[in-house]
Amino acid sequence: MSAGAFAASMDPTIRGVLTRHLKFGVGELDELERGAIVKHSIDTTAPGEIAVAGGVRVNVSKDRFLARLRDIVRFKQGDDIVQIGRFSNPPALGDLAPLTVDSSDFDPRDCRVGDCGVRLPADAIRRAAQELDVNAPDLQQRASAWFKQILLDNVTAYVSGRGARMAQYDDGSAPPIRPLDEFAAMMKNTPAIAALVPGLAEHLREFPHRPVSGAEDFLYWSKEKFGMAPFITVTHVTIVCASPRTCVATTKDVYSSRYLDASLALTIATDAGSQNAIYLVYANRSRANALKGLFSGMRRAIAERRARGGLEASLKTLKERLEKG
């Protein structure tokens, strides 16, 4: 199909977002229509930030894709997912019951302000020293329960808009990581969200105080394999249909026990000239303190290459799973 024919099969607004903001070339759009998986890096301006985008044509309806996405536990299944669960509304401590927190996830004997194996604010680290007896025979059981409560408190503060969220990690990074500031800065570098759904950028920045019409929100937790040790995350998913032909989903990092300073992903599911076929486009922008400083250029290049490879593998797996049902 020529680029002109491809344009006729896609909402012009979506095509504009893909070319202007997500940097898809005409050749990539042609490949996308032919069923190939396309992927590329997106330029970034901030230290420690990487961004990638890609897409694939999938022979399913938008409704089928969204139904699978809502079933996040099955949707995210994979070799790297150790455990996963969806938070209820409102979040409850029982939602975290399946999560195992062992000494590789949180060890109070290895946690002090400025030197902690897990990302926590200074006040929480001091509380751990006061509330957890490191000589107790059941230390790990107590530490697991303590960490889950801290995680729940953070999630509850996030979804209610009240109370104190974790605004700074004092585990040892210099300067300390401020995830809320990192996310706000990343949002400025992601104009595609505002271009797709007016008000969605504000909804994500100021959640829950700036609701956007038609948006569906939920949170889930996961424990995933990565690097030397697994990490525990909380992620906020927002689904909103921008038009009868196009639905958008965003995923926003609410907490990460390691590695990620902030992360924001955008998924576009738009009709591909048929009710039973969609173009599925995914873009991710993330920041990591480990990608800053000495040799940062080399580390970023390696991370970007791995991110592109991982994106291609994920899109291939997702296409196969969706089409097989």
Protein backbone atom coordinates (compact mmCIF):
# COMPACT_ATOMS: atom_id res chain seq x y z
CA MET A 1 0.00 0.00 0.00
CA SER A 2 1.32 3.47 -0.81
CA ALA A 3 1.74 6.14 1.83
CA GLY A 4 -1.37 7.85 0.45
CA ALA A 5 -3.45 4.69 0.78
CA PHE A 6 -2.07 4.15 4.26
CA ALA A 7 -3.11 7.65 5.23
CA ALA A 8 -6.66 6.89 4.15
CA SER A 9 -6.80 3.88 6.48
CA MET A 10 -5.73 5.83 9.57
CA ASP A 11 -7.29 8.74 11.40
CA PRO A 12 -5.38 11.84 10.19
CA THR A 13 -4.97 13.04 13.78
CA ILE A 14 -3.28 9.78 14.74
CA ARG A 15 -1.05 9.85 11.68
CA GLY A 16 -0.03 13.39 12.60
CA VAL A 17 0.85 12.34 16.14
CA LEU A 18 2.89 9.41 14.86
CA THR A 19 4.92 11.50 12.42
CA ARG A 20 5.21 14.75 14.40
CA HIS A 21 5.59 13.58 18.00
CA LEU A 22 6.58 9.90 17.86
CA LYS A 23 8.92 10.37 14.86
CA PHE A 24 7.59 7.62 12.57
CA GLY A 25 8.86 7.97 9.00
CA VAL A 26 6.78 7.32 5.87
CA GLY A 27 8.72 4.11 5.25
CA GLU A 28 7.95 2.86 8.75
CA LEU A 29 4.25 3.60 8.28
CA ASP A 30 4.25 1.56 5.08
CA GLU A 31 5.95 -1.32 6.89
CA LEU A 32 3.41 -1.04 9.70
CA GLU A 33 0.52 -1.39 7.24
CA ARG A 34 2.14 -4.44 5.66
CA GLY A 35 2.21 -6.15 9.06
CA ALA A 36 5.87 -5.65 9.96
CA ILE A 37 6.98 -4.66 13.44
CA VAL A 38 8.65 -1.26 13.43
CA LYS A 39 10.63 0.37 16.23
CA HIS A 40 13.04 3.26 16.75
CA SER A 41 14.55 5.50 19.40
CA ILE A 42 13.26 9.01 20.07
CA ASP A 43 15.68 11.82 20.82
CA THR A 44 15.91 12.97 24.43
CA THR A 45 17.40 16.08 26.02
CA ALA A 46 17.65 15.11 29.71
CA PRO A 47 20.48 13.08 31.29
CA GLY A 48 19.49 9.52 32.10
CA GLU A 49 16.42 9.52 29.85
CA ILE A 50 15.71 7.08 27.03
CA ALA A 51 12.67 6.90 24.76
CA VAL A 52 11.56 4.34 22.18
CA ALA A 53 8.51 3.87 19.99
CA GLY A 54 7.18 1.07 17.81
CA GLY A 55 4.07 -0.45 16.36
CA VAL A 56 2.43 -3.46 14.75
CA ARG A 57 -0.82 -4.26 12.95
CA VAL A 58 -2.93 -6.76 14.89
CA ASN A 59 -5.97 -8.61 13.57
CA VAL A 60 -8.27 -8.02 16.55
CA SER A 61 -10.82 -5.38 17.51
CA LYS A 62 -10.10 -2.49 19.87
CA ASP A 63 -12.64 -3.92 22.31
CA ARG A 64 -10.79 -7.22 22.46
CA PHE A 65 -7.47 -5.50 23.06
CA LEU A 66 -8.92 -3.30 25.83
CA ALA A 67 -10.56 -6.30 27.51
CA ARG A 68 -7.18 -8.02 27.65
CA LEU A 69 -5.50 -4.87 28.97
CA ARG A 70 -8.02 -4.59 31.80
CA ASP A 71 -7.15 -8.16 32.78
CA ILE A 72 -3.69 -6.87 33.64
CA VAL A 73 -2.55 -9.97 35.52
CA ARG A 74 -2.91 -12.15 32.41
CA PHE A 75 -1.89 -9.35 30.05
CA LYS A 76 1.50 -8.87 31.71
CA GLN A 77 2.36 -12.56 32.07
CA GLY A 78 5.90 -13.30 30.96
CA ASP A 79 9.24 -14.72 31.97
CA ASP A 80 10.29 -11.47 33.65
CA ILE A 81 7.15 -11.13 35.79
CA VAL A 82 7.68 -12.86 39.13
CA GLN A 83 4.38 -11.75 40.73
CA ILE A 84 1.62 -9.31 39.86
CA GLY A 85 -1.71 -8.15 41.23
CA ARG A 86 -4.31 -5.45 40.67
CA PHE A 87 -5.25 -3.00 43.42
CA SER A 88 -8.89 -2.78 44.45
CA ASN A 89 -10.70 0.56 44.72
CA PRO A 90 -9.90 1.81 47.29
CA PRO A 91 -6.58 0.00 47.71
CA ALA A 92 -6.39 -2.47 50.61
CA LEU A 93 -3.54 -4.25 52.36
CA GLY A 94 -4.99 -7.59 51.24
CA ASP A 95 -4.24 -6.62 47.62
CA LEU A 96 -0.55 -7.13 48.46
CA ALA A 97 -1.01 -10.51 50.14
CA PRO A 98 0.47 -12.49 47.19
CA LEU A 99 3.58 -10.28 47.10
CA THR A 100 6.65 -11.89 48.66
CA VAL A 101 9.18 -9.47 50.14
CA ASP A 102 12.41 -11.25 51.00
CA SER A 103 15.80 -9.91 52.03
CA SER A 104 16.80 -9.22 48.42
CA ASP A 105 13.77 -6.91 48.15
CA PHE A 106 14.06 -5.15 51.52
CA ASP A 107 16.54 -5.85 54.30
CA PRO A 108 16.34 -3.41 57.26
CA ARG A 109 19.86 -4.48 58.30
CA ASP A 110 21.07 -2.95 55.04
CA CYS A 111 19.08 0.27 55.13
CA ARG A 112 20.08 3.63 56.52
CA VAL A 113 19.66 7.16 55.22
CA GLY A 114 22.06 7.59 52.33
CA ASP A 115 22.81 3.88 52.08
CA CYS A 116 19.78 1.65 51.59
CA GLY A 117 19.21 -1.27 49.27
CA VAL A 118 15.70 -0.09 48.37
CA ARG A 119 14.32 3.33 47.45
CA LEU A 120 12.62 5.00 50.39
CA PRO A 121 12.39 8.54 51.78
CA ALA A 122 14.49 9.47 54.81
CA ASP A 123 11.56 9.53 57.23
CA ALA A 124 10.56 5.98 56.25
CA ILE A 125 14.16 4.75 56.60
CA ARG A 126 14.34 6.23 60.10
CA ARG A 127 10.99 4.63 60.96
CA ALA A 128 12.29 1.24 59.85
CA ALA A 129 15.26 1.59 62.22
CA GLN A 130 12.92 2.43 65.08
CA GLU A 131 10.14 -0.07 64.39
CA LEU A 132 12.06 -3.16 63.23
CA ASP A 133 14.29 -5.08 65.62
CA VAL A 134 17.09 -6.43 63.43
CA ASN A 135 17.79 -9.12 66.04
CA ALA A 136 14.24 -10.48 66.06
CA PRO A 137 14.01 -14.15 64.95
CA ASP A 138 11.11 -13.28 62.65
CA LEU A 139 12.76 -10.15 61.23
CA GLN A 140 12.03 -10.87 57.57
CA GLN A 141 8.36 -11.55 58.24
CA ARG A 142 8.09 -8.25 60.13
CA ALA A 143 10.08 -6.43 57.45
CA SER A 144 7.79 -7.77 54.73
CA ALA A 145 4.67 -6.58 56.55
CA TRP A 146 6.29 -3.20 57.26
CA PHE A 147 7.30 -2.66 53.63
CA LYS A 148 3.84 -3.60 52.34
CA GLN A 149 2.25 -1.09 54.70
CA ILE A 150 4.62 1.65 53.49
CA LEU A 151 3.74 0.72 49.90
CA LEU A 152 0.01 0.81 50.66
CA ASP A 153 0.32 4.19 52.40
CA ASN A 154 2.01 5.62 49.31
CA VAL A 155 -0.64 4.20 46.97
CA THR A 156 -3.48 5.40 49.19
CA ALA A 157 -2.03 8.91 49.27
CA TYR A 158 -1.71 8.82 45.48
CA VAL A 159 -5.26 7.71 44.66
CA SER A 160 -6.92 9.90 47.29
CA GLY A 161 -4.87 13.03 46.69
CA ARG A 162 -4.46 13.32 50.46
CA GLY A 163 -1.62 12.50 52.78
CA ALA A 164 2.10 12.41 52.01
CA ARG A 165 3.40 10.51 49.00
CA MET A 166 7.03 9.50 48.63
CA ALA A 167 8.40 12.73 47.20
CA GLN A 168 12.09 11.90 47.52
CA TYR A 169 14.25 8.79 47.65
CA ASP A 170 17.12 9.02 50.16
CA ASP A 171 18.63 5.59 49.57
CA GLY A 172 22.00 6.94 48.49
CA SER A 173 21.66 8.65 45.11
CA ALA A 174 23.39 12.02 44.90
CA PRO A 175 21.51 14.26 44.60
CA PRO A 176 18.44 12.45 46.00
CA ILE A 177 15.91 11.32 43.40
CA ARG A 178 12.62 13.24 43.33
CA PRO A 179 10.28 11.01 41.27
CA LEU A 180 7.46 13.57 41.11
CA ASP A 181 9.78 16.17 39.58
CA GLU A 182 11.27 13.60 37.20
CA PHE A 183 7.79 12.64 36.00
CA ALA A 184 6.69 16.25 35.54
CA ALA A 185 9.77 16.90 33.40
CA MET A 186 9.11 13.79 31.29
CA MET A 187 5.53 14.90 30.66
CA LYS A 188 6.86 18.06 29.00
CA ASN A 189 8.79 15.80 26.62
CA THR A 190 5.67 13.77 25.72
CA PRO A 191 3.39 16.15 23.75
CA ALA A 192 1.70 13.21 22.03
CA ILE A 193 -0.54 12.67 25.07
CA ALA A 194 -2.10 16.14 24.97
CA ALA A 195 -2.38 15.96 21.19
CA LEU A 196 -4.34 12.70 21.41
CA VAL A 197 -6.69 13.49 24.32
CA PRO A 198 -7.21 17.06 25.56
CA GLY A 199 -6.90 17.13 29.34
CA LEU A 200 -5.17 13.75 29.65
CA ALA A 201 -1.76 15.28 30.38
CA GLU A 202 -3.24 17.31 33.24
CA HIS A 203 -5.08 14.22 34.49
CA LEU A 204 -1.80 12.32 34.76
CA ARG A 205 0.17 15.22 36.24
CA GLU A 206 -2.39 16.14 38.91
CA PHE A 207 -4.21 12.85 39.54
CA PRO A 208 -6.81 12.58 41.01
CA HIS A 209 -7.63 16.30 41.01
CA ARG A 210 -8.02 16.83 37.24
CA PRO A 211 -10.31 14.06 35.93
CA VAL A 212 -10.73 13.74 32.18
CA SER A 213 -14.08 12.74 30.69
CA GLY A 214 -14.41 9.04 29.92
CA ALA A 215 -11.15 8.01 31.56
CA GLU A 216 -10.88 4.65 33.31
CA ASP A 217 -8.12 4.32 35.91
CA PHE A 218 -6.68 1.42 37.87
CA LEU A 219 -3.41 0.55 39.60
CA TYR A 220 -1.45 -2.69 39.78
CA TRP A 221 1.72 -3.87 41.51
CA SER A 222 4.36 -6.18 40.10
CA LYS A 223 7.61 -7.81 41.06
CA GLU A 224 9.88 -8.17 38.05
CA LYS A 225 13.27 -9.63 37.21
CA PHE A 226 15.90 -7.08 36.21
CA GLY A 227 19.63 -6.70 36.72
CA MET A 228 21.19 -8.11 39.85
CA ALA A 229 17.96 -8.20 41.87
CA PRO A 230 14.21 -8.00 41.17
CA PHE A 231 12.34 -4.78 41.71
CA ILE A 232 8.83 -3.98 42.94
CA THR A 233 6.72 -1.40 41.16
CA VAL A 234 3.31 0.22 41.33
CA THR A 235 1.84 1.36 38.01
CA HIS A 236 -1.15 3.57 37.20
CA VAL A 237 -3.08 2.66 34.03
CA THR A 238 -5.44 5.12 32.34
CA ILE A 239 -7.66 4.11 29.42
CA VAL A 240 -9.67 6.67 27.42
CA CYS A 241 -11.17 6.57 23.93
CA ALA A 242 -10.25 9.65 21.96
CA SER A 243 -12.76 8.91 19.19
CA PRO A 244 -14.88 6.01 17.91
CA ARG A 245 -11.83 4.83 15.97
CA THR A 246 -9.07 5.31 18.53
CA CYS A 247 -8.45 4.45 22.18
CA VAL A 248 -5.43 5.46 24.21
CA ALA A 249 -3.85 3.86 27.28
CA THR A 250 -1.11 5.34 29.43
CA THR A 251 0.96 3.66 32.12
CA LYS A 252 2.65 5.81 34.74
CA ASP A 253 5.21 4.67 37.28
CA VAL A 254 3.94 5.46 40.80
CA TYR A 255 6.72 3.67 42.69
CA SER A 256 9.80 1.64 41.82
CA SER A 257 11.94 0.03 44.50
CA ARG A 258 15.00 0.10 42.21
CA TYR A 259 16.35 1.24 38.86
CA LEU A 260 13.61 3.56 37.50
CA ASP A 261 13.43 7.23 38.53
CA ALA A 262 10.26 7.71 36.47
CA SER A 263 8.52 6.00 33.57
CA LEU A 264 5.66 6.90 31.23
CA ALA A 265 4.26 4.75 28.42
CA LEU A 266 1.64 5.48 25.79
CA THR A 267 -0.31 2.87 23.82
CA ILE A 268 -2.51 3.82 20.86
CA ALA A 269 -5.05 1.34 19.50
CA THR A 270 -6.60 2.70 16.31
CA ASP A 271 -8.74 1.06 13.63
CA ALA A 272 -6.78 -0.17 10.61
CA GLY A 273 -9.56 0.23 8.04
CA SER A 274 -11.51 -2.65 9.59
CA GLN A 275 -13.41 -3.33 12.81
CA ASN A 276 -11.31 -6.45 13.30
CA ALA A 277 -7.84 -4.96 12.79
CA ILE A 278 -5.96 -2.27 14.67
CA TYR A 279 -2.65 -0.50 14.53
CA LEU A 280 -1.10 -0.92 17.96
CA VAL A 281 1.50 1.78 18.64
CA TYR A 282 3.57 1.89 21.82
CA ALA A 283 5.97 4.55 23.09
CA ASN A 284 7.91 4.55 26.34
CA ARG A 285 9.96 7.26 28.01
CA SER A 286 11.89 6.50 31.19
CA ARG A 287 14.62 7.91 33.40
CA ALA A 288 17.23 6.04 35.41
CA ASN A 289 19.92 7.47 37.64
CA ALA A 290 22.31 4.74 36.53
CA LEU A 291 22.32 6.27 33.02
CA LYS A 292 23.80 9.55 34.29
CA GLY A 293 27.37 10.52 35.07
CA LEU A 294 30.62 8.93 33.92
CA PHE A 295 30.29 6.78 30.76
CA SER A 296 26.61 7.76 30.59
CA GLY A 297 26.69 7.98 26.78
CA MET A 298 27.84 4.39 26.42
CA ARG A 299 25.39 3.13 29.04
CA ARG A 300 22.50 4.98 27.37
CA ALA A 301 23.40 3.55 23.96
CA ILE A 302 23.36 0.03 25.39
CA ALA A 303 20.09 0.68 27.24
CA GLU A 304 18.44 2.11 24.11
CA ARG A 305 19.53 -0.88 22.03
CA ARG A 306 18.11 -3.26 24.61
CA ALA A 307 14.91 -1.21 24.86
CA ARG A 308 14.36 -1.39 21.10
CA GLY A 309 15.03 -5.12 21.08
CA GLY A 310 12.72 -5.65 24.04
CA LEU A 311 10.00 -3.57 22.40
CA GLU A 312 10.16 -5.64 19.21
CA ALA A 313 9.93 -8.89 21.19
CA SER A 314 7.03 -7.56 23.28
CA LEU A 315 5.06 -6.41 20.23
CA LYS A 316 5.61 -9.76 18.53
CA THR A 317 4.43 -11.67 21.60
CA LEU A 318 1.44 -9.39 22.10
CA LYS A 319 0.36 -9.75 18.47
CA GLU A 320 0.57 -13.55 18.68
CA ARG A 321 -1.34 -13.71 21.96
CA LEU A 322 -4.11 -11.37 20.83
CA GLU A 323 -4.64 -13.06 17.50
CA LYS A 324 -4.64 -16.53 19.03
CA GLY A 325 -7.12 -15.41 21.69
